[in-house]
Amino acid sequence: MLLIFIHGAPAVGKLTVARELARLTGLPLFHNHLTVDLVSSLFAFGSAPFISLREEIWLAAFGEAARNKLSLIFTFNPERTVNEEFVQKTIEVIEAAGGRVVFVELTCAQDELERRMEEPSRTEFGKLASLEEYRKLNSEGAFDFAKLPSEISVDTTAQPPAITAKVIADHLASL
């Protein structure tokens, strides 16, 4: 069982690449915003109950998938409302069931991230879609998070999502 843990900054292309990777591999996609949207319907983003419930859902889903030998793709935006222990807890949950976490980092040049920030597709899941708000949050340290592991890192600045997904799929095939 593999948990393909795709992480990177807002607008780096995580969901777009993950959708393409799901198409290439047949693996289900557990998009981070599915949980964020569910939990934010009950609790304010960043509140203690929001943080706790979001993490419980993520870890419960990972654990159940691992126990059922279901590999999956997960997208994640590291930011300050996530407990730093979350990544280690994820590894422990997956490995306890005999699985493996494959960390995939997506990167992108800052000017391209800012260009993508206001693309209409970002509103589909209530994602951050304001360049002004992004710059404000970024300057306040909202996206500060401990460096995550990365088994593979792919720059999406000028590379189409299908090519990025193929690079990741090829890496997975080599495991």
N, C-alpha and C. Protein backbone atom coordinates (compact mmCIF):
# COMPACT_ATOMS: atom_id res chain seq x y z
N MET A 1 0.85 -1.18 0.00
CA MET A 1 0.00 0.00 0.00
C MET A 1 0.89 1.23 0.00
N LEU A 2 0.59 2.16 -0.89
CA LEU A 2 1.33 3.42 -0.97
C LEU A 2 0.39 4.59 -0.73
N LEU A 3 0.85 5.53 0.07
CA LEU A 3 0.19 6.83 0.19
C LEU A 3 1.09 7.81 -0.55
N ILE A 4 0.59 8.29 -1.69
CA ILE A 4 1.33 9.26 -2.49
C ILE A 4 0.96 10.62 -1.92
N PHE A 5 1.85 11.23 -1.18
CA PHE A 5 1.62 12.44 -0.39
C PHE A 5 2.20 13.62 -1.16
N ILE A 6 1.36 14.28 -1.97
CA ILE A 6 1.80 15.39 -2.80
C ILE A 6 1.66 16.68 -2.01
N HIS A 7 2.76 17.40 -1.86
CA HIS A 7 2.72 18.63 -1.08
C HIS A 7 3.40 19.77 -1.81
N GLY A 8 3.00 20.98 -1.45
CA GLY A 8 3.59 22.18 -2.03
C GLY A 8 2.76 23.40 -1.70
N ALA A 9 3.24 24.53 -2.13
CA ALA A 9 2.60 25.82 -1.86
C ALA A 9 1.25 25.94 -2.56
N PRO A 10 0.43 26.90 -2.13
CA PRO A 10 -0.81 27.16 -2.85
C PRO A 10 -0.50 27.50 -4.31
N ALA A 11 -1.30 26.97 -5.21
CA ALA A 11 -1.22 27.24 -6.66
C ALA A 11 -0.04 26.59 -7.35
N VAL A 12 0.63 25.67 -6.67
CA VAL A 12 1.76 24.97 -7.29
C VAL A 12 1.27 23.92 -8.29
N GLY A 13 -0.01 23.52 -8.18
CA GLY A 13 -0.58 22.55 -9.11
C GLY A 13 -0.87 21.20 -8.50
N LYS A 14 -0.99 21.12 -7.20
CA LYS A 14 -1.18 19.83 -6.52
C LYS A 14 -2.41 19.08 -7.02
N LEU A 15 -3.56 19.73 -7.02
CA LEU A 15 -4.78 19.05 -7.42
C LEU A 15 -4.77 18.70 -8.91
N THR A 16 -4.31 19.61 -9.73
CA THR A 16 -4.27 19.36 -11.18
C THR A 16 -3.36 18.18 -11.49
N VAL A 17 -2.19 18.17 -10.87
CA VAL A 17 -1.25 17.07 -11.08
C VAL A 17 -1.82 15.78 -10.50
N ALA A 18 -2.41 15.86 -9.30
CA ALA A 18 -2.96 14.67 -8.65
C ALA A 18 -4.09 14.06 -9.48
N ARG A 19 -4.92 14.88 -10.07
CA ARG A 19 -5.99 14.36 -10.94
C ARG A 19 -5.40 13.61 -12.13
N GLU A 20 -4.37 14.19 -12.71
CA GLU A 20 -3.71 13.53 -13.85
C GLU A 20 -3.02 12.24 -13.40
N LEU A 21 -2.40 12.27 -12.23
CA LEU A 21 -1.75 11.07 -11.70
C LEU A 21 -2.79 9.98 -11.42
N ALA A 22 -3.93 10.36 -10.89
CA ALA A 22 -5.01 9.40 -10.64
C ALA A 22 -5.47 8.76 -11.96
N ARG A 23 -5.55 9.59 -12.99
CA ARG A 23 -5.95 9.07 -14.31
C ARG A 23 -4.92 8.08 -14.83
N LEU A 24 -3.64 8.40 -14.66
CA LEU A 24 -2.58 7.53 -15.15
C LEU A 24 -2.45 6.22 -14.37
N THR A 25 -2.66 6.29 -13.07
CA THR A 25 -2.41 5.14 -12.20
C THR A 25 -3.65 4.37 -11.80
N GLY A 26 -4.82 5.00 -11.90
CA GLY A 26 -6.05 4.37 -11.43
C GLY A 26 -6.22 4.47 -9.92
N LEU A 27 -5.31 5.16 -9.24
CA LEU A 27 -5.41 5.31 -7.79
C LEU A 27 -6.44 6.37 -7.43
N PRO A 28 -7.17 6.17 -6.32
CA PRO A 28 -8.13 7.20 -5.90
C PRO A 28 -7.39 8.43 -5.37
N LEU A 29 -8.05 9.56 -5.50
CA LEU A 29 -7.51 10.83 -5.05
C LEU A 29 -8.29 11.32 -3.84
N PHE A 30 -7.58 11.51 -2.74
CA PHE A 30 -8.15 12.07 -1.52
C PHE A 30 -7.62 13.49 -1.42
N HIS A 31 -8.38 14.41 -1.98
CA HIS A 31 -7.97 15.81 -2.05
C HIS A 31 -8.18 16.48 -0.70
N ASN A 32 -7.16 17.12 -0.21
CA ASN A 32 -7.15 17.80 1.08
C ASN A 32 -8.38 18.68 1.31
N HIS A 33 -8.83 19.38 0.28
CA HIS A 33 -9.95 20.30 0.47
C HIS A 33 -11.28 19.59 0.73
N LEU A 34 -11.38 18.31 0.42
CA LEU A 34 -12.60 17.59 0.77
C LEU A 34 -12.79 17.61 2.29
N THR A 35 -11.71 17.38 3.01
CA THR A 35 -11.76 17.40 4.48
C THR A 35 -11.91 18.83 4.99
N VAL A 36 -11.14 19.75 4.43
CA VAL A 36 -11.21 21.14 4.86
C VAL A 36 -12.63 21.68 4.69
N ASP A 37 -13.24 21.40 3.55
CA ASP A 37 -14.61 21.89 3.30
C ASP A 37 -15.60 21.27 4.28
N LEU A 38 -15.47 19.97 4.53
CA LEU A 38 -16.36 19.30 5.48
C LEU A 38 -16.23 19.92 6.87
N VAL A 39 -15.02 20.01 7.37
CA VAL A 39 -14.81 20.48 8.74
C VAL A 39 -15.14 21.96 8.88
N SER A 40 -14.86 22.76 7.84
CA SER A 40 -15.16 24.19 7.94
C SER A 40 -16.65 24.48 7.87
N SER A 41 -17.45 23.47 7.50
CA SER A 41 -18.90 23.66 7.56
C SER A 41 -19.38 23.64 9.01
N LEU A 42 -18.53 23.14 9.91
CA LEU A 42 -18.87 23.07 11.33
C LEU A 42 -18.09 24.06 12.18
N PHE A 43 -16.81 24.21 11.89
CA PHE A 43 -15.93 25.01 12.74
C PHE A 43 -15.13 25.98 11.88
N ALA A 44 -14.79 27.12 12.44
CA ALA A 44 -14.01 28.13 11.73
C ALA A 44 -12.62 27.58 11.41
N PHE A 45 -12.15 27.89 10.20
CA PHE A 45 -10.82 27.47 9.78
C PHE A 45 -9.80 27.94 10.81
N GLY A 46 -8.94 27.02 11.24
CA GLY A 46 -7.88 27.36 12.17
C GLY A 46 -8.25 27.28 13.63
N SER A 47 -9.55 27.12 13.93
CA SER A 47 -9.96 27.00 15.33
C SER A 47 -9.50 25.64 15.87
N ALA A 48 -9.42 25.52 17.20
CA ALA A 48 -8.95 24.27 17.81
C ALA A 48 -9.80 23.07 17.38
N PRO A 49 -11.16 23.18 17.38
CA PRO A 49 -11.93 22.01 16.94
C PRO A 49 -11.72 21.69 15.45
N PHE A 50 -11.53 22.73 14.63
CA PHE A 50 -11.27 22.52 13.21
C PHE A 50 -9.98 21.73 13.03
N ILE A 51 -8.92 22.18 13.68
CA ILE A 51 -7.61 21.54 13.55
C ILE A 51 -7.66 20.08 14.01
N SER A 52 -8.30 19.86 15.13
CA SER A 52 -8.37 18.51 15.69
C SER A 52 -9.18 17.57 14.80
N LEU A 53 -10.36 18.00 14.38
CA LEU A 53 -11.22 17.14 13.56
C LEU A 53 -10.62 16.89 12.18
N ARG A 54 -10.04 17.92 11.58
CA ARG A 54 -9.41 17.75 10.27
C ARG A 54 -8.34 16.66 10.34
N GLU A 55 -7.48 16.74 11.35
CA GLU A 55 -6.41 15.75 11.48
C GLU A 55 -6.98 14.36 11.76
N GLU A 56 -7.98 14.27 12.61
CA GLU A 56 -8.60 12.97 12.89
C GLU A 56 -9.14 12.33 11.61
N ILE A 57 -9.79 13.12 10.78
CA ILE A 57 -10.35 12.59 9.52
C ILE A 57 -9.24 12.14 8.59
N TRP A 58 -8.22 12.98 8.43
CA TRP A 58 -7.10 12.60 7.56
C TRP A 58 -6.50 11.27 8.03
N LEU A 59 -6.16 11.20 9.30
CA LEU A 59 -5.48 10.00 9.81
C LEU A 59 -6.39 8.77 9.79
N ALA A 60 -7.68 8.95 10.08
CA ALA A 60 -8.62 7.83 10.02
C ALA A 60 -8.73 7.30 8.60
N ALA A 61 -8.80 8.20 7.63
CA ALA A 61 -8.88 7.78 6.22
C ALA A 61 -7.61 7.04 5.80
N PHE A 62 -6.46 7.57 6.18
CA PHE A 62 -5.20 6.91 5.85
C PHE A 62 -5.13 5.52 6.49
N GLY A 63 -5.50 5.44 7.75
CA GLY A 63 -5.44 4.17 8.47
C GLY A 63 -6.34 3.13 7.85
N GLU A 64 -7.55 3.51 7.53
CA GLU A 64 -8.50 2.56 6.93
C GLU A 64 -8.02 2.11 5.55
N ALA A 65 -7.51 3.06 4.76
CA ALA A 65 -6.96 2.70 3.45
C ALA A 65 -5.80 1.73 3.61
N ALA A 66 -4.90 2.02 4.53
CA ALA A 66 -3.73 1.16 4.74
C ALA A 66 -4.14 -0.24 5.19
N ARG A 67 -5.08 -0.32 6.12
CA ARG A 67 -5.53 -1.64 6.60
C ARG A 67 -6.21 -2.44 5.48
N ASN A 68 -6.77 -1.75 4.50
CA ASN A 68 -7.43 -2.41 3.38
C ASN A 68 -6.55 -2.49 2.14
N LYS A 69 -5.27 -2.18 2.31
CA LYS A 69 -4.29 -2.26 1.22
C LYS A 69 -4.69 -1.42 0.01
N LEU A 70 -5.31 -0.27 0.28
CA LEU A 70 -5.75 0.64 -0.78
C LEU A 70 -4.75 1.77 -0.92
N SER A 71 -3.98 1.76 -1.98
CA SER A 71 -3.08 2.86 -2.26
C SER A 71 -3.90 4.07 -2.69
N LEU A 72 -3.40 5.27 -2.38
CA LEU A 72 -4.13 6.48 -2.75
C LEU A 72 -3.20 7.66 -2.87
N ILE A 73 -3.74 8.72 -3.45
CA ILE A 73 -3.04 9.98 -3.65
C ILE A 73 -3.67 11.00 -2.71
N PHE A 74 -2.82 11.76 -2.02
CA PHE A 74 -3.29 12.80 -1.10
C PHE A 74 -2.59 14.09 -1.44
N THR A 75 -3.33 15.20 -1.44
CA THR A 75 -2.73 16.51 -1.67
C THR A 75 -2.71 17.27 -0.36
N PHE A 76 -1.62 18.03 -0.15
CA PHE A 76 -1.44 18.70 1.13
C PHE A 76 -0.69 20.01 0.95
N ASN A 77 -1.24 21.07 1.54
CA ASN A 77 -0.60 22.37 1.57
C ASN A 77 -0.08 22.63 2.97
N PRO A 78 1.22 22.52 3.18
CA PRO A 78 1.75 22.76 4.52
C PRO A 78 1.48 24.20 4.95
N GLU A 79 0.86 24.37 6.10
CA GLU A 79 0.59 25.71 6.61
C GLU A 79 0.47 25.65 8.13
N ARG A 80 0.48 26.81 8.76
CA ARG A 80 0.66 26.87 10.21
C ARG A 80 -0.48 26.31 11.05
N THR A 81 -1.67 26.07 10.49
CA THR A 81 -2.74 25.49 11.32
C THR A 81 -2.64 23.97 11.42
N VAL A 82 -1.70 23.38 10.73
CA VAL A 82 -1.50 21.93 10.79
C VAL A 82 -0.48 21.63 11.89
N ASN A 83 -0.81 20.68 12.75
CA ASN A 83 0.13 20.26 13.78
C ASN A 83 1.38 19.69 13.12
N GLU A 84 2.54 20.11 13.60
CA GLU A 84 3.79 19.61 13.02
C GLU A 84 3.91 18.10 13.14
N GLU A 85 3.26 17.51 14.14
CA GLU A 85 3.32 16.06 14.34
C GLU A 85 2.49 15.29 13.31
N PHE A 86 1.66 16.00 12.55
CA PHE A 86 0.78 15.33 11.59
C PHE A 86 1.55 14.45 10.61
N VAL A 87 2.64 14.96 10.09
CA VAL A 87 3.41 14.20 9.09
C VAL A 87 3.95 12.91 9.71
N GLN A 88 4.52 13.01 10.90
CA GLN A 88 5.05 11.81 11.57
C GLN A 88 3.91 10.84 11.90
N LYS A 89 2.78 11.35 12.35
CA LYS A 89 1.63 10.49 12.64
C LYS A 89 1.16 9.77 11.38
N THR A 90 1.19 10.48 10.25
CA THR A 90 0.81 9.87 8.97
C THR A 90 1.73 8.70 8.64
N ILE A 91 3.02 8.92 8.76
CA ILE A 91 3.99 7.86 8.49
C ILE A 91 3.73 6.67 9.40
N GLU A 92 3.52 6.93 10.67
CA GLU A 92 3.30 5.85 11.64
C GLU A 92 2.04 5.05 11.32
N VAL A 93 0.95 5.73 10.97
CA VAL A 93 -0.31 5.05 10.65
C VAL A 93 -0.14 4.16 9.42
N ILE A 94 0.51 4.67 8.41
CA ILE A 94 0.71 3.91 7.17
C ILE A 94 1.65 2.74 7.40
N GLU A 95 2.79 2.99 8.04
CA GLU A 95 3.77 1.93 8.26
C GLU A 95 3.26 0.86 9.21
N ALA A 96 2.41 1.22 10.17
CA ALA A 96 1.85 0.23 11.11
C ALA A 96 1.02 -0.81 10.38
N ALA A 97 0.47 -0.45 9.23
CA ALA A 97 -0.33 -1.38 8.45
C ALA A 97 0.48 -1.98 7.29
N GLY A 98 1.78 -1.78 7.31
CA GLY A 98 2.64 -2.37 6.28
C GLY A 98 2.76 -1.54 5.02
N GLY A 99 2.30 -0.31 5.06
CA GLY A 99 2.35 0.55 3.88
C GLY A 99 3.56 1.45 3.87
N ARG A 100 3.60 2.32 2.89
CA ARG A 100 4.71 3.25 2.72
C ARG A 100 4.18 4.59 2.24
N VAL A 101 4.74 5.67 2.78
CA VAL A 101 4.40 7.01 2.32
C VAL A 101 5.47 7.45 1.33
N VAL A 102 5.03 7.90 0.17
CA VAL A 102 5.92 8.44 -0.85
C VAL A 102 5.65 9.94 -0.91
N PHE A 103 6.59 10.72 -0.41
CA PHE A 103 6.42 12.17 -0.40
C PHE A 103 6.87 12.75 -1.74
N VAL A 104 5.96 13.53 -2.33
CA VAL A 104 6.22 14.17 -3.62
C VAL A 104 6.07 15.67 -3.41
N GLU A 105 7.16 16.38 -3.64
CA GLU A 105 7.14 17.84 -3.49
C GLU A 105 6.96 18.48 -4.86
N LEU A 106 6.01 19.39 -4.96
CA LEU A 106 5.86 20.20 -6.17
C LEU A 106 6.34 21.61 -5.84
N THR A 107 7.14 22.16 -6.72
CA THR A 107 7.65 23.52 -6.56
C THR A 107 7.28 24.33 -7.79
N CYS A 108 7.39 25.65 -7.62
CA CYS A 108 7.06 26.55 -8.73
C CYS A 108 7.66 27.91 -8.43
N ALA A 109 8.08 28.61 -9.46
CA ALA A 109 8.61 29.96 -9.30
C ALA A 109 7.52 30.88 -8.72
N GLN A 110 7.93 31.79 -7.84
CA GLN A 110 6.99 32.67 -7.16
C GLN A 110 6.13 33.48 -8.12
N ASP A 111 6.70 34.01 -9.19
CA ASP A 111 5.91 34.82 -10.12
C ASP A 111 4.83 33.97 -10.81
N GLU A 112 5.14 32.71 -11.07
CA GLU A 112 4.14 31.83 -11.68
C GLU A 112 3.05 31.45 -10.67
N LEU A 113 3.44 31.21 -9.40
CA LEU A 113 2.44 30.95 -8.36
C LEU A 113 1.47 32.11 -8.28
N GLU A 114 2.00 33.32 -8.28
CA GLU A 114 1.15 34.50 -8.18
C GLU A 114 0.26 34.65 -9.40
N ARG A 115 0.76 34.29 -10.57
CA ARG A 115 -0.07 34.36 -11.78
C ARG A 115 -1.23 33.37 -11.68
N ARG A 116 -0.96 32.18 -11.16
CA ARG A 116 -1.97 31.13 -11.05
C ARG A 116 -3.00 31.40 -9.95
N MET A 117 -2.63 32.21 -8.98
CA MET A 117 -3.45 32.39 -7.78
C MET A 117 -4.89 32.79 -8.08
N GLU A 118 -5.11 33.58 -9.08
CA GLU A 118 -6.46 34.08 -9.35
C GLU A 118 -7.14 33.36 -10.51
N GLU A 119 -6.63 32.19 -10.90
CA GLU A 119 -7.28 31.42 -11.96
C GLU A 119 -8.65 30.94 -11.46
N PRO A 120 -9.66 30.99 -12.31
CA PRO A 120 -11.02 30.60 -11.91
C PRO A 120 -11.12 29.19 -11.32
N SER A 121 -10.27 28.28 -11.76
CA SER A 121 -10.34 26.89 -11.26
C SER A 121 -10.09 26.81 -9.76
N ARG A 122 -9.45 27.81 -9.18
CA ARG A 122 -9.13 27.79 -7.75
C ARG A 122 -10.36 27.98 -6.87
N THR A 123 -11.44 28.46 -7.43
CA THR A 123 -12.64 28.68 -6.63
C THR A 123 -13.47 27.41 -6.46
N GLU A 124 -13.18 26.37 -7.22
CA GLU A 124 -13.97 25.13 -7.18
C GLU A 124 -14.08 24.56 -5.77
N PHE A 125 -13.01 24.57 -5.01
CA PHE A 125 -13.03 24.03 -3.66
C PHE A 125 -12.82 25.11 -2.61
N GLY A 126 -13.14 26.34 -2.94
CA GLY A 126 -12.97 27.42 -1.98
C GLY A 126 -11.51 27.66 -1.64
N LYS A 127 -10.63 27.38 -2.59
CA LYS A 127 -9.20 27.59 -2.36
C LYS A 127 -8.89 29.09 -2.30
N LEU A 128 -7.78 29.41 -1.72
CA LEU A 128 -7.28 30.77 -1.73
C LEU A 128 -7.14 31.21 -3.18
N ALA A 129 -7.85 32.28 -3.56
CA ALA A 129 -7.86 32.70 -4.95
C ALA A 129 -7.66 34.20 -5.11
N SER A 130 -7.12 34.84 -4.10
CA SER A 130 -6.85 36.27 -4.15
C SER A 130 -5.35 36.48 -3.99
N LEU A 131 -4.77 37.12 -4.98
CA LEU A 131 -3.34 37.39 -4.91
C LEU A 131 -3.03 38.29 -3.72
N GLU A 132 -3.87 39.28 -3.48
CA GLU A 132 -3.67 40.18 -2.34
C GLU A 132 -3.71 39.41 -1.02
N GLU A 133 -4.70 38.53 -0.86
CA GLU A 133 -4.81 37.73 0.36
C GLU A 133 -3.63 36.76 0.49
N TYR A 134 -3.23 36.15 -0.62
CA TYR A 134 -2.07 35.25 -0.60
C TYR A 134 -0.83 36.00 -0.12
N ARG A 135 -0.57 37.16 -0.69
CA ARG A 135 0.61 37.92 -0.30
C ARG A 135 0.55 38.31 1.18
N LYS A 136 -0.62 38.68 1.65
CA LYS A 136 -0.79 39.06 3.05
C LYS A 136 -0.51 37.86 3.96
N LEU A 137 -1.15 36.73 3.66
CA LEU A 137 -0.94 35.52 4.47
C LEU A 137 0.52 35.07 4.43
N ASN A 138 1.11 35.12 3.26
CA ASN A 138 2.50 34.70 3.11
C ASN A 138 3.42 35.60 3.94
N SER A 139 3.18 36.90 3.90
CA SER A 139 4.02 37.82 4.68
C SER A 139 3.83 37.64 6.18
N GLU A 140 2.66 37.14 6.58
CA GLU A 140 2.38 36.89 8.01
C GLU A 140 2.87 35.51 8.46
N GLY A 141 3.42 34.74 7.54
CA GLY A 141 3.97 33.43 7.90
C GLY A 141 2.95 32.31 7.90
N ALA A 142 1.81 32.51 7.25
CA ALA A 142 0.75 31.48 7.25
C ALA A 142 1.19 30.17 6.62
N PHE A 143 2.16 30.22 5.72
CA PHE A 143 2.59 29.00 5.03
C PHE A 143 3.91 28.47 5.59
N ASP A 144 4.32 29.01 6.72
CA ASP A 144 5.52 28.51 7.37
C ASP A 144 5.22 27.14 7.98
N PHE A 145 6.02 26.18 7.66
CA PHE A 145 5.83 24.83 8.16
C PHE A 145 7.18 24.13 8.08
N ALA A 146 7.41 23.23 8.98
CA ALA A 146 8.67 22.48 8.94
C ALA A 146 8.85 21.84 7.57
N LYS A 147 10.07 21.79 7.12
CA LYS A 147 10.37 21.18 5.81
C LYS A 147 9.88 19.74 5.79
N LEU A 148 9.11 19.41 4.77
CA LEU A 148 8.59 18.05 4.62
C LEU A 148 9.58 17.19 3.85
N PRO A 149 9.53 15.89 4.10
CA PRO A 149 10.37 15.00 3.30
C PRO A 149 9.94 15.04 1.83
N SER A 150 10.85 14.73 0.95
CA SER A 150 10.45 14.58 -0.45
C SER A 150 11.34 13.53 -1.10
N GLU A 151 10.70 12.47 -1.51
CA GLU A 151 11.40 11.40 -2.21
C GLU A 151 11.66 11.83 -3.65
N ILE A 152 10.75 12.66 -4.15
CA ILE A 152 10.88 13.20 -5.49
C ILE A 152 10.35 14.63 -5.45
N SER A 153 11.01 15.52 -6.16
CA SER A 153 10.61 16.92 -6.24
C SER A 153 10.52 17.31 -7.71
N VAL A 154 9.41 17.95 -8.07
CA VAL A 154 9.20 18.31 -9.47
C VAL A 154 8.80 19.79 -9.55
N ASP A 155 9.49 20.53 -10.41
CA ASP A 155 9.19 21.95 -10.63
C ASP A 155 8.09 22.05 -11.68
N THR A 156 6.97 22.66 -11.30
CA THR A 156 5.82 22.76 -12.20
C THR A 156 5.76 24.11 -12.93
N THR A 157 6.77 24.95 -12.76
CA THR A 157 6.72 26.30 -13.31
C THR A 157 6.36 26.30 -14.80
N ALA A 158 7.08 25.56 -15.59
CA ALA A 158 6.87 25.56 -17.03
C ALA A 158 6.50 24.19 -17.58
N GLN A 159 6.26 23.25 -16.68
CA GLN A 159 5.98 21.88 -17.10
C GLN A 159 4.48 21.59 -17.03
N PRO A 160 3.89 21.08 -18.09
CA PRO A 160 2.46 20.76 -18.06
C PRO A 160 2.13 19.70 -17.00
N PRO A 161 0.94 19.76 -16.41
CA PRO A 161 0.55 18.79 -15.38
C PRO A 161 0.68 17.33 -15.83
N ALA A 162 0.36 17.05 -17.09
CA ALA A 162 0.45 15.67 -17.58
C ALA A 162 1.89 15.16 -17.54
N ILE A 163 2.84 16.01 -17.85
CA ILE A 163 4.25 15.62 -17.82
C ILE A 163 4.70 15.42 -16.37
N THR A 164 4.29 16.32 -15.49
CA THR A 164 4.63 16.19 -14.06
C THR A 164 4.07 14.88 -13.51
N ALA A 165 2.82 14.59 -13.84
CA ALA A 165 2.20 13.35 -13.37
C ALA A 165 2.93 12.13 -13.93
N LYS A 166 3.38 12.20 -15.16
CA LYS A 166 4.11 11.09 -15.77
C LYS A 166 5.44 10.87 -15.06
N VAL A 167 6.12 11.94 -14.70
CA VAL A 167 7.38 11.83 -13.96
C VAL A 167 7.13 11.10 -12.63
N ILE A 168 6.05 11.49 -11.95
CA ILE A 168 5.71 10.86 -10.66
C ILE A 168 5.33 9.39 -10.88
N ALA A 169 4.50 9.14 -11.89
CA ALA A 169 4.06 7.76 -12.18
C ALA A 169 5.27 6.87 -12.50
N ASP A 170 6.21 7.40 -13.25
CA ASP A 170 7.41 6.64 -13.58
C ASP A 170 8.22 6.33 -12.32
N HIS A 171 8.30 7.28 -11.42
CA HIS A 171 8.99 7.05 -10.15
C HIS A 171 8.28 5.95 -9.37
N LEU A 172 6.97 6.03 -9.29
CA LEU A 172 6.20 5.01 -8.55
C LEU A 172 6.39 3.63 -9.16
N ALA A 173 6.45 3.56 -10.49
CA ALA A 173 6.64 2.28 -11.16
C ALA A 173 8.02 1.67 -10.86
N SER A 174 8.97 2.52 -10.49
CA SER A 174 10.32 2.04 -10.20
C SER A 174 10.48 1.52 -8.76
N LEU A 175 9.43 1.70 -7.94
CA LEU A 175 9.54 1.29 -6.52
C LEU A 175 9.39 -0.22 -6.37
